[in-house]
Amino acid sequence: MIGIVALVAIVVFTIQVYKTANGTGRNGALWALLTAAVGVVLQLVVPFILGIVLAVAYLAAGSSPETIESDIMWPATLIGIAGMILSIVGMVLISKHVAKVPDDPPMSAAAPPPPPQF
């Protein structure tokens, strides 16, 4: 159940960042892609890789293949929860960055300054 809520958070943050980025003059598709990538990588890919490493470590330490699932249950659960928390923190940080309105770009040397107003 928590995993479904976390996946919904990826979708909601991605849509919100897209809208916010377009509203502040940034590339909405690029920021939305970055947000979705951070969410998926920190929530699914990293815990999966860490789970495989953990299972191999337990097997190398002498655990039997039949009991490996029960042996790594709690460490894998903690890794999954940490991944969800980190993904949400990462997406919030991206959202906060995108919400900042960028400063005006400096005037180029080719463009003359505007005329003075009296």
PDB file of N, CA and C in Angstrom:
ATOM      1  N   MET A   1       0.821  -1.195   0.000  1.00  0.00           N
ATOM      2  CA  MET A   1       0.000   0.000   0.000  1.00  0.00           C
ATOM      3  C   MET A   1       0.863   1.256   0.000  1.00  0.00           C
ATOM      4  N   ILE A   2       1.918   1.254   0.811  1.00  0.00           N
ATOM      5  CA  ILE A   2       2.788   2.421   0.881  1.00  0.00           C
ATOM      6  C   ILE A   2       3.518   2.596  -0.448  1.00  0.00           C
ATOM      7  N   GLY A   3       3.875   1.497  -1.078  1.00  0.00           N
ATOM      8  CA  GLY A   3       4.542   1.570  -2.374  1.00  0.00           C
ATOM      9  C   GLY A   3       3.673   2.196  -3.444  1.00  0.00           C
ATOM     10  N   ILE A   4       2.380   1.917  -3.408  1.00  0.00           N
ATOM     11  CA  ILE A   4       1.458   2.512  -4.378  1.00  0.00           C
ATOM     12  C   ILE A   4       1.351   4.009  -4.147  1.00  0.00           C
ATOM     13  N   VAL A   5       1.272   4.423  -2.887  1.00  0.00           N
ATOM     14  CA  VAL A   5       1.214   5.849  -2.558  1.00  0.00           C
ATOM     15  C   VAL A   5       2.491   6.550  -3.024  1.00  0.00           C
ATOM     16  N   ALA A   6       3.624   5.883  -2.858  1.00  0.00           N
ATOM     17  CA  ALA A   6       4.895   6.476  -3.284  1.00  0.00           C
ATOM     18  C   ALA A   6       4.961   6.596  -4.804  1.00  0.00           C
ATOM     19  N   LEU A   7       4.445   5.623  -5.531  1.00  0.00           N
ATOM     20  CA  LEU A   7       4.412   5.720  -6.991  1.00  0.00           C
ATOM     21  C   LEU A   7       3.450   6.814  -7.453  1.00  0.00           C
ATOM     22  N   VAL A   8       2.342   6.978  -6.746  1.00  0.00           N
ATOM     23  CA  VAL A   8       1.422   8.072  -7.050  1.00  0.00           C
ATOM     24  C   VAL A   8       2.117   9.415  -6.800  1.00  0.00           C
ATOM     25  N   ALA A   9       2.955   9.477  -5.760  1.00  0.00           N
ATOM     26  CA  ALA A   9       3.702  10.706  -5.475  1.00  0.00           C
ATOM     27  C   ALA A   9       4.618  11.069  -6.634  1.00  0.00           C
ATOM     28  N   ILE A  10       5.220  10.079  -7.269  1.00  0.00           N
ATOM     29  CA  ILE A  10       6.066  10.359  -8.437  1.00  0.00           C
ATOM     30  C   ILE A  10       5.242  11.011  -9.535  1.00  0.00           C
ATOM     31  N   VAL A  11       4.069  10.469  -9.809  1.00  0.00           N
ATOM     32  CA  VAL A  11       3.217  11.012 -10.867  1.00  0.00           C
ATOM     33  C   VAL A  11       2.761  12.430 -10.512  1.00  0.00           C
ATOM     34  N   VAL A  12       2.320  12.634  -9.282  1.00  0.00           N
ATOM     35  CA  VAL A  12       1.821  13.948  -8.872  1.00  0.00           C
ATOM     36  C   VAL A  12       2.942  14.987  -8.908  1.00  0.00           C
ATOM     37  N   PHE A  13       4.112  14.646  -8.370  1.00  0.00           N
ATOM     38  CA  PHE A  13       5.229  15.585  -8.393  1.00  0.00           C
ATOM     39  C   PHE A  13       5.658  15.893  -9.823  1.00  0.00           C
ATOM     40  N   THR A  14       5.667  14.901 -10.687  1.00  0.00           N
ATOM     41  CA  THR A  14       6.071  15.121 -12.074  1.00  0.00           C
ATOM     42  C   THR A  14       5.128  16.086 -12.769  1.00  0.00           C
ATOM     43  N   ILE A  15       3.840  15.905 -12.594  1.00  0.00           N
ATOM     44  CA  ILE A  15       2.862  16.809 -13.208  1.00  0.00           C
ATOM     45  C   ILE A  15       2.985  18.214 -12.629  1.00  0.00           C
ATOM     46  N   GLN A  16       3.139  18.298 -11.318  1.00  0.00           N
ATOM     47  CA  GLN A  16       3.244  19.609 -10.675  1.00  0.00           C
ATOM     48  C   GLN A  16       4.510  20.343 -11.094  1.00  0.00           C
ATOM     49  N   VAL A  17       5.623  19.631 -11.169  1.00  0.00           N
ATOM     50  CA  VAL A  17       6.876  20.260 -11.595  1.00  0.00           C
ATOM     51  C   VAL A  17       6.770  20.709 -13.045  1.00  0.00           C
ATOM     52  N   TYR A  18       6.128  19.942 -13.884  1.00  0.00           N
ATOM     53  CA  TYR A  18       5.946  20.338 -15.284  1.00  0.00           C
ATOM     54  C   TYR A  18       5.186  21.656 -15.377  1.00  0.00           C
ATOM     55  N   LYS A  19       4.086  21.754 -14.652  1.00  0.00           N
ATOM     56  CA  LYS A  19       3.282  22.976 -14.683  1.00  0.00           C
ATOM     57  C   LYS A  19       4.049  24.156 -14.109  1.00  0.00           C
ATOM     58  N   THR A  20       4.735  23.935 -13.001  1.00  0.00           N
ATOM     59  CA  THR A  20       5.487  25.011 -12.357  1.00  0.00           C
ATOM     60  C   THR A  20       6.636  25.474 -13.242  1.00  0.00           C
ATOM     61  N   ALA A  21       7.348  24.541 -13.855  1.00  0.00           N
ATOM     62  CA  ALA A  21       8.474  24.904 -14.713  1.00  0.00           C
ATOM     63  C   ALA A  21       7.999  25.721 -15.913  1.00  0.00           C
ATOM     64  N   ASN A  22       6.912  25.333 -16.508  1.00  0.00           N
ATOM     65  CA  ASN A  22       6.379  26.115 -17.623  1.00  0.00           C
ATOM     66  C   ASN A  22       5.944  27.500 -17.161  1.00  0.00           C
ATOM     67  N   GLY A  23       5.412  27.600 -15.960  1.00  0.00           N
ATOM     68  CA  GLY A  23       4.966  28.886 -15.423  1.00  0.00           C
ATOM     69  C   GLY A  23       6.107  29.823 -15.080  1.00  0.00           C
ATOM     70  N   THR A  24       7.273  29.289 -14.785  1.00  0.00           N
ATOM     71  CA  THR A  24       8.414  30.137 -14.438  1.00  0.00           C
ATOM     72  C   THR A  24       9.383  30.311 -15.599  1.00  0.00           C
ATOM     73  N   GLY A  25       9.014  29.872 -16.780  1.00  0.00           N
ATOM     74  CA  GLY A  25       9.835  30.078 -17.958  1.00  0.00           C
ATOM     75  C   GLY A  25      10.939  29.055 -18.148  1.00  0.00           C
ATOM     76  N   ARG A  26      10.831  27.928 -17.494  1.00  0.00           N
ATOM     77  CA  ARG A  26      11.833  26.876 -17.664  1.00  0.00           C
ATOM     78  C   ARG A  26      11.295  25.806 -18.620  1.00  0.00           C
ATOM     79  N   ASN A  27      12.147  24.876 -18.982  1.00  0.00           N
ATOM     80  CA  ASN A  27      11.757  23.774 -19.854  1.00  0.00           C
ATOM     81  C   ASN A  27      10.988  22.746 -19.012  1.00  0.00           C
ATOM     82  N   GLY A  28       9.679  22.729 -19.150  1.00  0.00           N
ATOM     83  CA  GLY A  28       8.835  21.875 -18.328  1.00  0.00           C
ATOM     84  C   GLY A  28       9.073  20.392 -18.549  1.00  0.00           C
ATOM     85  N   ALA A  29       9.270  19.997 -19.798  1.00  0.00           N
ATOM     86  CA  ALA A  29       9.463  18.579 -20.094  1.00  0.00           C
ATOM     87  C   ALA A  29      10.766  18.063 -19.492  1.00  0.00           C
ATOM     88  N   LEU A  30      11.810  18.863 -19.561  1.00  0.00           N
ATOM     89  CA  LEU A  30      13.099  18.442 -19.013  1.00  0.00           C
ATOM     90  C   LEU A  30      13.039  18.310 -17.497  1.00  0.00           C
ATOM     91  N   TRP A  31      12.426  19.275 -16.830  1.00  0.00           N
ATOM     92  CA  TRP A  31      12.320  19.209 -15.368  1.00  0.00           C
ATOM     93  C   TRP A  31      11.395  18.079 -14.932  1.00  0.00           C
ATOM     94  N   ALA A  32      10.335  17.831 -15.689  1.00  0.00           N
ATOM     95  CA  ALA A  32       9.437  16.720 -15.360  1.00  0.00           C
ATOM     96  C   ALA A  32      10.152  15.386 -15.528  1.00  0.00           C
ATOM     97  N   LEU A  33      10.950  15.272 -16.585  1.00  0.00           N
ATOM     98  CA  LEU A  33      11.727  14.052 -16.803  1.00  0.00           C
ATOM     99  C   LEU A  33      12.729  13.837 -15.672  1.00  0.00           C
ATOM    100  N   LEU A  34      13.391  14.910 -15.244  1.00  0.00           N
ATOM    101  CA  LEU A  34      14.337  14.813 -14.129  1.00  0.00           C
ATOM    102  C   LEU A  34      13.636  14.393 -12.843  1.00  0.00           C
ATOM    103  N   THR A  35      12.470  14.954 -12.583  1.00  0.00           N
ATOM    104  CA  THR A  35      11.713  14.608 -11.378  1.00  0.00           C
ATOM    105  C   THR A  35      11.294  13.137 -11.393  1.00  0.00           C
ATOM    106  N   ALA A  36      10.771  12.679 -12.514  1.00  0.00           N
ATOM    107  CA  ALA A  36      10.361  11.279 -12.615  1.00  0.00           C
ATOM    108  C   ALA A  36      11.562  10.351 -12.486  1.00  0.00           C
ATOM    109  N   ALA A  37      12.691  10.735 -13.086  1.00  0.00           N
ATOM    110  CA  ALA A  37      13.893   9.902 -13.004  1.00  0.00           C
ATOM    111  C   ALA A  37      14.404   9.807 -11.570  1.00  0.00           C
ATOM    112  N   VAL A  38      14.424  10.923 -10.852  1.00  0.00           N
ATOM    113  CA  VAL A  38      14.865  10.902  -9.452  1.00  0.00           C
ATOM    114  C   VAL A  38      13.937  10.014  -8.632  1.00  0.00           C
ATOM    115  N   GLY A  39      12.634  10.160  -8.839  1.00  0.00           N
ATOM    116  CA  GLY A  39      11.680   9.347  -8.088  1.00  0.00           C
ATOM    117  C   GLY A  39      11.838   7.861  -8.357  1.00  0.00           C
ATOM    118  N   VAL A  40      11.936   7.490  -9.619  1.00  0.00           N
ATOM    119  CA  VAL A  40      12.025   6.071  -9.978  1.00  0.00           C
ATOM    120  C   VAL A  40      13.361   5.476  -9.537  1.00  0.00           C
ATOM    121  N   VAL A  41      14.450   6.211  -9.774  1.00  0.00           N
ATOM    122  CA  VAL A  41      15.765   5.676  -9.431  1.00  0.00           C
ATOM    123  C   VAL A  41      15.900   5.493  -7.926  1.00  0.00           C
ATOM    124  N   LEU A  42      15.521   6.504  -7.149  1.00  0.00           N
ATOM    125  CA  LEU A  42      15.694   6.396  -5.701  1.00  0.00           C
ATOM    126  C   LEU A  42      14.667   5.481  -5.043  1.00  0.00           C
ATOM    127  N   GLN A  43      13.548   5.270  -5.713  1.00  0.00           N
ATOM    128  CA  GLN A  43      12.497   4.463  -5.109  1.00  0.00           C
ATOM    129  C   GLN A  43      12.513   3.013  -5.561  1.00  0.00           C
ATOM    130  N   LEU A  44      12.983   2.757  -6.769  1.00  0.00           N
ATOM    131  CA  LEU A  44      12.930   1.398  -7.300  1.00  0.00           C
ATOM    132  C   LEU A  44      14.302   0.820  -7.620  1.00  0.00           C
ATOM    133  N   VAL A  45      15.105   1.552  -8.359  1.00  0.00           N
ATOM    134  CA  VAL A  45      16.364   1.018  -8.863  1.00  0.00           C
ATOM    135  C   VAL A  45      17.389   0.825  -7.745  1.00  0.00           C
ATOM    136  N   VAL A  46      17.626   1.871  -6.960  1.00  0.00           N
ATOM    137  CA  VAL A  46      18.632   1.777  -5.890  1.00  0.00           C
ATOM    138  C   VAL A  46      18.258   0.710  -4.852  1.00  0.00           C
ATOM    139  N   PRO A  47      17.010   0.663  -4.339  1.00  0.00           N
ATOM    140  CA  PRO A  47      16.678  -0.415  -3.408  1.00  0.00           C
ATOM    141  C   PRO A  47      16.796  -1.813  -4.021  1.00  0.00           C
ATOM    142  N   PHE A  48      16.479  -1.948  -5.306  1.00  0.00           N
ATOM    143  CA  PHE A  48      16.609  -3.243  -5.975  1.00  0.00           C
ATOM    144  C   PHE A  48      18.067  -3.679  -6.014  1.00  0.00           C
ATOM    145  N   ILE A  49      18.948  -2.758  -6.406  1.00  0.00           N
ATOM    146  CA  ILE A  49      20.377  -3.089  -6.464  1.00  0.00           C
ATOM    147  C   ILE A  49      20.924  -3.387  -5.078  1.00  0.00           C
ATOM    148  N   LEU A  50      20.539  -2.571  -4.084  1.00  0.00           N
ATOM    149  CA  LEU A  50      21.000  -2.833  -2.719  1.00  0.00           C
ATOM    150  C   LEU A  50      20.466  -4.162  -2.185  1.00  0.00           C
ATOM    151  N   GLY A  51      19.249  -4.526  -2.572  1.00  0.00           N
ATOM    152  CA  GLY A  51      18.698  -5.817  -2.165  1.00  0.00           C
ATOM    153  C   GLY A  51      19.468  -6.981  -2.758  1.00  0.00           C
ATOM    154  N   ILE A  52      19.866  -6.858  -4.011  1.00  0.00           N
ATOM    155  CA  ILE A  52      20.672  -7.910  -4.638  1.00  0.00           C
ATOM    156  C   ILE A  52      22.026  -8.019  -3.953  1.00  0.00           C
ATOM    157  N   VAL A  53      22.655  -6.868  -3.684  1.00  0.00           N
ATOM    158  CA  VAL A  53      23.952  -6.883  -2.997  1.00  0.00           C
ATOM    159  C   VAL A  53      23.808  -7.507  -1.612  1.00  0.00           C
ATOM    160  N   LEU A  54      22.728  -7.167  -0.921  1.00  0.00           N
ATOM    161  CA  LEU A  54      22.488  -7.726   0.412  1.00  0.00           C
ATOM    162  C   LEU A  54      22.296  -9.238   0.342  1.00  0.00           C
ATOM    163  N   ALA A  55      21.540  -9.705  -0.639  1.00  0.00           N
ATOM    164  CA  ALA A  55      21.315 -11.144  -0.787  1.00  0.00           C
ATOM    165  C   ALA A  55      22.606 -11.880  -1.102  1.00  0.00           C
ATOM    166  N   VAL A  56      23.432 -11.308  -1.974  1.00  0.00           N
ATOM    167  CA  VAL A  56      24.711 -11.937  -2.296  1.00  0.00           C
ATOM    168  C   VAL A  56      25.615 -11.961  -1.064  1.00  0.00           C
ATOM    169  N   ALA A  57      25.593 -10.884  -0.289  1.00  0.00           N
ATOM    170  CA  ALA A  57      26.410 -10.843   0.927  1.00  0.00           C
ATOM    171  C   ALA A  57      25.959 -11.914   1.921  1.00  0.00           C
ATOM    172  N   TYR A  58      24.647 -12.082   2.075  1.00  0.00           N
ATOM    173  CA  TYR A  58      24.140 -13.110   2.985  1.00  0.00           C
ATOM    174  C   TYR A  58      24.508 -14.508   2.486  1.00  0.00           C
ATOM    175  N   LEU A  59      24.422 -14.708   1.172  1.00  0.00           N
ATOM    176  CA  LEU A  59      24.805 -16.008   0.618  1.00  0.00           C
ATOM    177  C   LEU A  59      26.296 -16.269   0.797  1.00  0.00           C
ATOM    178  N   ALA A  60      27.104 -15.242   0.624  1.00  0.00           N
ATOM    179  CA  ALA A  60      28.549 -15.396   0.810  1.00  0.00           C
ATOM    180  C   ALA A  60      28.901 -15.642   2.271  1.00  0.00           C
ATOM    181  N   ALA A  61      28.060 -15.144   3.175  1.00  0.00           N
ATOM    182  CA  ALA A  61      28.310 -15.329   4.606  1.00  0.00           C
ATOM    183  C   ALA A  61      27.863 -16.708   5.082  1.00  0.00           C
ATOM    184  N   GLY A  62      27.201 -17.476   4.221  1.00  0.00           N
ATOM    185  CA  GLY A  62      26.847 -18.837   4.594  1.00  0.00           C
ATOM    186  C   GLY A  62      25.369 -19.104   4.760  1.00  0.00           C
ATOM    187  N   SER A  63      24.514 -18.157   4.458  1.00  0.00           N
ATOM    188  CA  SER A  63      23.073 -18.380   4.543  1.00  0.00           C
ATOM    189  C   SER A  63      22.649 -19.307   3.405  1.00  0.00           C
ATOM    190  N   SER A  64      21.675 -20.147   3.660  1.00  0.00           N
ATOM    191  CA  SER A  64      21.237 -21.084   2.624  1.00  0.00           C
ATOM    192  C   SER A  64      20.282 -20.380   1.655  1.00  0.00           C
ATOM    193  N   PRO A  65      20.280 -20.787   0.396  1.00  0.00           N
ATOM    194  CA  PRO A  65      19.392 -20.160  -0.587  1.00  0.00           C
ATOM    195  C   PRO A  65      17.905 -20.311  -0.251  1.00  0.00           C
ATOM    196  N   GLU A  66      17.562 -21.349   0.488  1.00  0.00           N
ATOM    197  CA  GLU A  66      16.159 -21.560   0.830  1.00  0.00           C
ATOM    198  C   GLU A  66      15.657 -20.558   1.869  1.00  0.00           C
ATOM    199  N   THR A  67      16.547 -20.051   2.717  1.00  0.00           N
ATOM    200  CA  THR A  67      16.128 -19.148   3.797  1.00  0.00           C
ATOM    201  C   THR A  67      16.525 -17.701   3.541  1.00  0.00           C
ATOM    202  N   ILE A  68      17.057 -17.410   2.360  1.00  0.00           N
ATOM    203  CA  ILE A  68      17.548 -16.059   2.100  1.00  0.00           C
ATOM    204  C   ILE A  68      16.429 -15.026   2.147  1.00  0.00           C
ATOM    205  N   GLU A  69      15.231 -15.405   1.701  1.00  0.00           N
ATOM    206  CA  GLU A  69      14.121 -14.453   1.710  1.00  0.00           C
ATOM    207  C   GLU A  69      13.773 -14.020   3.126  1.00  0.00           C
ATOM    208  N   SER A  70      13.673 -14.954   4.030  1.00  0.00           N
ATOM    209  CA  SER A  70      13.339 -14.598   5.408  1.00  0.00           C
ATOM    210  C   SER A  70      14.510 -13.918   6.119  1.00  0.00           C
ATOM    211  N   ASP A  71      15.738 -14.223   5.685  1.00  0.00           N
ATOM    212  CA  ASP A  71      16.906 -13.622   6.330  1.00  0.00           C
ATOM    213  C   ASP A  71      17.028 -12.125   6.028  1.00  0.00           C
ATOM    214  N   ILE A  72      16.694 -11.739   4.814  1.00  0.00           N
ATOM    215  CA  ILE A  72      16.882 -10.330   4.452  1.00  0.00           C
ATOM    216  C   ILE A  72      15.585  -9.528   4.465  1.00  0.00           C
ATOM    217  N   MET A  73      14.525 -10.078   5.070  1.00  0.00           N
ATOM    218  CA  MET A  73      13.230  -9.396   5.062  1.00  0.00           C
ATOM    219  C   MET A  73      13.304  -7.998   5.674  1.00  0.00           C
ATOM    220  N   TRP A  74      13.789  -7.879   6.898  1.00  0.00           N
ATOM    221  CA  TRP A  74      13.799  -6.576   7.573  1.00  0.00           C
ATOM    222  C   TRP A  74      14.817  -5.615   6.989  1.00  0.00           C
ATOM    223  N   PRO A  75      16.040  -6.044   6.685  1.00  0.00           N
ATOM    224  CA  PRO A  75      16.949  -5.085   6.044  1.00  0.00           C
ATOM    225  C   PRO A  75      16.422  -4.590   4.694  1.00  0.00           C
ATOM    226  N   ALA A  76      15.802  -5.462   3.929  1.00  0.00           N
ATOM    227  CA  ALA A  76      15.255  -5.051   2.637  1.00  0.00           C
ATOM    228  C   ALA A  76      14.082  -4.092   2.813  1.00  0.00           C
ATOM    229  N   THR A  77      13.274  -4.307   3.829  1.00  0.00           N
ATOM    230  CA  THR A  77      12.163  -3.400   4.115  1.00  0.00           C
ATOM    231  C   THR A  77      12.685  -2.015   4.491  1.00  0.00           C
ATOM    232  N   LEU A  78      13.707  -1.970   5.319  1.00  0.00           N
ATOM    233  CA  LEU A  78      14.288  -0.686   5.714  1.00  0.00           C
ATOM    234  C   LEU A  78      14.920   0.032   4.521  1.00  0.00           C
ATOM    235  N   ILE A  79      15.557  -0.717   3.635  1.00  0.00           N
ATOM    236  CA  ILE A  79      16.139  -0.121   2.426  1.00  0.00           C
ATOM    237  C   ILE A  79      15.025   0.448   1.540  1.00  0.00           C
ATOM    238  N   GLY A  80      13.922  -0.264   1.417  1.00  0.00           N
ATOM    239  CA  GLY A  80      12.790   0.220   0.623  1.00  0.00           C
ATOM    240  C   GLY A  80      12.173   1.483   1.188  1.00  0.00           C
ATOM    241  N   ILE A  81      12.000   1.533   2.503  1.00  0.00           N
ATOM    242  CA  ILE A  81      11.438   2.722   3.144  1.00  0.00           C
ATOM    243  C   ILE A  81      12.392   3.899   2.996  1.00  0.00           C
ATOM    244  N   ALA A  82      13.687   3.662   3.173  1.00  0.00           N
ATOM    245  CA  ALA A  82      14.670   4.736   3.000  1.00  0.00           C
ATOM    246  C   ALA A  82      14.660   5.252   1.564  1.00  0.00           C
ATOM    247  N   GLY A  83      14.513   4.363   0.605  1.00  0.00           N
ATOM    248  CA  GLY A  83      14.441   4.781  -0.795  1.00  0.00           C
ATOM    249  C   GLY A  83      13.222   5.636  -1.077  1.00  0.00           C
ATOM    250  N   MET A  84      12.080   5.280  -0.493  1.00  0.00           N
ATOM    251  CA  MET A  84      10.877   6.086  -0.681  1.00  0.00           C
ATOM    252  C   MET A  84      11.045   7.472  -0.070  1.00  0.00           C
ATOM    253  N   ILE A  85      11.603   7.522   1.119  1.00  0.00           N
ATOM    254  CA  ILE A  85      11.799   8.818   1.781  1.00  0.00           C
ATOM    255  C   ILE A  85      12.766   9.678   0.971  1.00  0.00           C
ATOM    256  N   LEU A  86      13.874   9.088   0.524  1.00  0.00           N
ATOM    257  CA  LEU A  86      14.842   9.847  -0.260  1.00  0.00           C
ATOM    258  C   LEU A  86      14.263  10.321  -1.591  1.00  0.00           C
ATOM    259  N   SER A  87      13.427   9.505  -2.214  1.00  0.00           N
ATOM    260  CA  SER A  87      12.843   9.927  -3.490  1.00  0.00           C
ATOM    261  C   SER A  87      11.898  11.103  -3.292  1.00  0.00           C
ATOM    262  N   ILE A  88      11.115  11.072  -2.236  1.00  0.00           N
ATOM    263  CA  ILE A  88      10.200  12.185  -1.975  1.00  0.00           C
ATOM    264  C   ILE A  88      10.980  13.446  -1.619  1.00  0.00           C
ATOM    265  N   VAL A  89      12.044  13.300  -0.831  1.00  0.00           N
ATOM    266  CA  VAL A  89      12.880  14.462  -0.495  1.00  0.00           C
ATOM    267  C   VAL A  89      13.509  15.038  -1.769  1.00  0.00           C
ATOM    268  N   GLY A  90      14.006  14.181  -2.629  1.00  0.00           N
ATOM    269  CA  GLY A  90      14.594  14.649  -3.878  1.00  0.00           C
ATOM    270  C   GLY A  90      13.591  15.364  -4.763  1.00  0.00           C
ATOM    271  N   MET A  91      12.387  14.826  -4.857  1.00  0.00           N
ATOM    272  CA  MET A  91      11.373  15.464  -5.694  1.00  0.00           C
ATOM    273  C   MET A  91      10.912  16.792  -5.096  1.00  0.00           C
ATOM    274  N   VAL A  92      10.857  16.883  -3.765  1.00  0.00           N
ATOM    275  CA  VAL A  92      10.499  18.150  -3.127  1.00  0.00           C
ATOM    276  C   VAL A  92      11.574  19.196  -3.395  1.00  0.00           C
ATOM    277  N   LEU A  93      12.837  18.800  -3.322  1.00  0.00           N
ATOM    278  CA  LEU A  93      13.922  19.738  -3.602  1.00  0.00           C
ATOM    279  C   LEU A  93      13.879  20.234  -5.046  1.00  0.00           C
ATOM    280  N   ILE A  94      13.593  19.344  -5.977  1.00  0.00           N
ATOM    281  CA  ILE A  94      13.463  19.767  -7.375  1.00  0.00           C
ATOM    282  C   ILE A  94      12.282  20.712  -7.521  1.00  0.00           C
ATOM    283  N   SER A  95      11.184  20.400  -6.870  1.00  0.00           N
ATOM    284  CA  SER A  95       9.999  21.249  -6.942  1.00  0.00           C
ATOM    285  C   SER A  95      10.282  22.641  -6.387  1.00  0.00           C
ATOM    286  N   LYS A  96      11.005  22.706  -5.281  1.00  0.00           N
ATOM    287  CA  LYS A  96      11.347  24.016  -4.710  1.00  0.00           C
ATOM    288  C   LYS A  96      12.265  24.797  -5.638  1.00  0.00           C
ATOM    289  N   HIS A  97      13.201  24.124  -6.269  1.00  0.00           N
ATOM    290  CA  HIS A  97      14.107  24.816  -7.180  1.00  0.00           C
ATOM    291  C   HIS A  97      13.362  25.353  -8.394  1.00  0.00           C
ATOM    292  N   VAL A  98      12.453  24.571  -8.931  1.00  0.00           N
ATOM    293  CA  VAL A  98      11.711  24.985 -10.121  1.00  0.00           C
ATOM    294  C   VAL A  98      10.751  26.126  -9.790  1.00  0.00           C
ATOM    295  N   ALA A  99      10.270  26.184  -8.555  1.00  0.00           N
ATOM    296  CA  ALA A  99       9.312  27.214  -8.178  1.00  0.00           C
ATOM    297  C   ALA A  99       9.951  28.598  -8.060  1.00  0.00           C
ATOM    298  N   LYS A 100      11.283  28.654  -7.926  1.00  0.00           N
ATOM    299  CA  LYS A 100      11.958  29.954  -7.864  1.00  0.00           C
ATOM    300  C   LYS A 100      11.901  30.611  -9.233  1.00  0.00           C
ATOM    301  N   VAL A 101      11.513  31.872  -9.242  1.00  0.00           N
ATOM    302  CA  VAL A 101      11.462  32.613 -10.495  1.00  0.00           C
ATOM    303  C   VAL A 101      12.879  33.039 -10.840  1.00  0.00           C
ATOM    304  N   PRO A 102      13.368  32.696 -12.042  1.00  0.00           N
ATOM    305  CA  PRO A 102      14.745  33.054 -12.392  1.00  0.00           C
ATOM    306  C   PRO A 102      14.905  34.567 -12.560  1.00  0.00           C
ATOM    307  N   ASP A 103      16.111  35.056 -12.261  1.00  0.00           N
ATOM    308  CA  ASP A 103      16.413  36.468 -12.457  1.00  0.00           C
ATOM    309  C   ASP A 103      16.406  36.779 -13.946  1.00  0.00           C
ATOM    310  N   ASP A 104      16.256  38.073 -14.247  1.00  0.00           N
ATOM    311  CA  ASP A 104      16.315  38.479 -15.653  1.00  0.00           C
ATOM    312  C   ASP A 104      17.709  38.205 -16.186  1.00  0.00           C
ATOM    313  N   PRO A 105      17.795  37.716 -17.406  1.00  0.00           N
ATOM    314  CA  PRO A 105      19.132  37.467 -17.967  1.00  0.00           C
ATOM    315  C   PRO A 105      19.848  38.789 -18.192  1.00  0.00           C
ATOM    316  N   PRO A 106      21.187  38.792 -18.074  1.00  0.00           N
ATOM    317  CA  PRO A 106      21.915  40.041 -18.304  1.00  0.00           C
ATOM    318  C   PRO A 106      21.778  40.463 -19.771  1.00  0.00           C
ATOM    319  N   MET A 107      21.816  41.762 -19.973  1.00  0.00           N
ATOM    320  CA  MET A 107      21.679  42.274 -21.333  1.00  0.00           C
ATOM    321  C   MET A 107      22.924  41.934 -22.123  1.00  0.00           C
ATOM    322  N   SER A 108      22.752  41.574 -23.355  1.00  0.00           N
ATOM    323  CA  SER A 108      23.901  41.236 -24.192  1.00  0.00           C
ATOM    324  C   SER A 108      24.594  42.521 -24.635  1.00  0.00           C
ATOM    325  N   ALA A 109      25.856  42.389 -25.016  1.00  0.00           N
ATOM    326  CA  ALA A 109      26.635  43.550 -25.438  1.00  0.00           C
ATOM    327  C   ALA A 109      26.129  44.094 -26.764  1.00  0.00           C
ATOM    328  N   ALA A 110      25.472  43.285 -27.569  1.00  0.00           N
ATOM    329  CA  ALA A 110      25.015  43.718 -28.886  1.00  0.00           C
ATOM    330  C   ALA A 110      23.787  44.623 -28.797  1.00  0.00           C
ATOM    331  N   ALA A 111      22.990  44.457 -27.783  1.00  0.00           N
ATOM    332  CA  ALA A 111      21.770  45.252 -27.676  1.00  0.00           C
ATOM    333  C   ALA A 111      22.090  46.579 -26.996  1.00  0.00           C
ATOM    334  N   PRO A 112      21.648  47.676 -27.609  1.00  0.00           N
ATOM    335  CA  PRO A 112      21.900  48.972 -26.972  1.00  0.00           C
ATOM    336  C   PRO A 112      20.994  49.156 -25.762  1.00  0.00           C
ATOM    337  N   PRO A 113      21.422  49.958 -24.817  1.00  0.00           N
ATOM    338  CA  PRO A 113      20.570  50.195 -23.643  1.00  0.00           C
ATOM    339  C   PRO A 113      19.319  50.967 -24.044  1.00  0.00           C
ATOM    340  N   PRO A 114      18.251  50.813 -23.308  1.00  0.00           N
ATOM    341  CA  PRO A 114      17.031  51.558 -23.652  1.00  0.00           C
ATOM    342  C   PRO A 114      17.259  53.059 -23.460  1.00  0.00           C
ATOM    343  N   PRO A 115      16.526  53.868 -24.224  1.00  0.00           N
ATOM    344  CA  PRO A 115      16.715  55.314 -24.087  1.00  0.00           C
ATOM    345  C   PRO A 115      16.213  55.807 -22.736  1.00  0.00           C
ATOM    346  N   PRO A 116      16.830  56.863 -22.229  1.00  0.00           N
ATOM    347  CA  PRO A 116      16.386  57.395 -20.933  1.00  0.00           C
ATOM    348  C   PRO A 116      14.996  58.014 -21.070  1.00  0.00           C
ATOM    349  N   GLN A 117      14.255  57.927 -20.014  1.00  0.00           N
ATOM    350  CA  GLN A 117      12.904  58.501 -20.016  1.00  0.00           C
ATOM    351  C   GLN A 117      12.916  59.749 -19.145  1.00  0.00           C
ATOM    352  N   PHE A 118      12.408  60.847 -19.702  1.00  0.00           N
ATOM    353  CA  PHE A 118      12.385  62.117 -18.983  1.00  0.00           C
ATOM    354  C   PHE A 118      11.041  62.369 -18.418  1.00  0.00           C
TER     355      PHE A 118
END
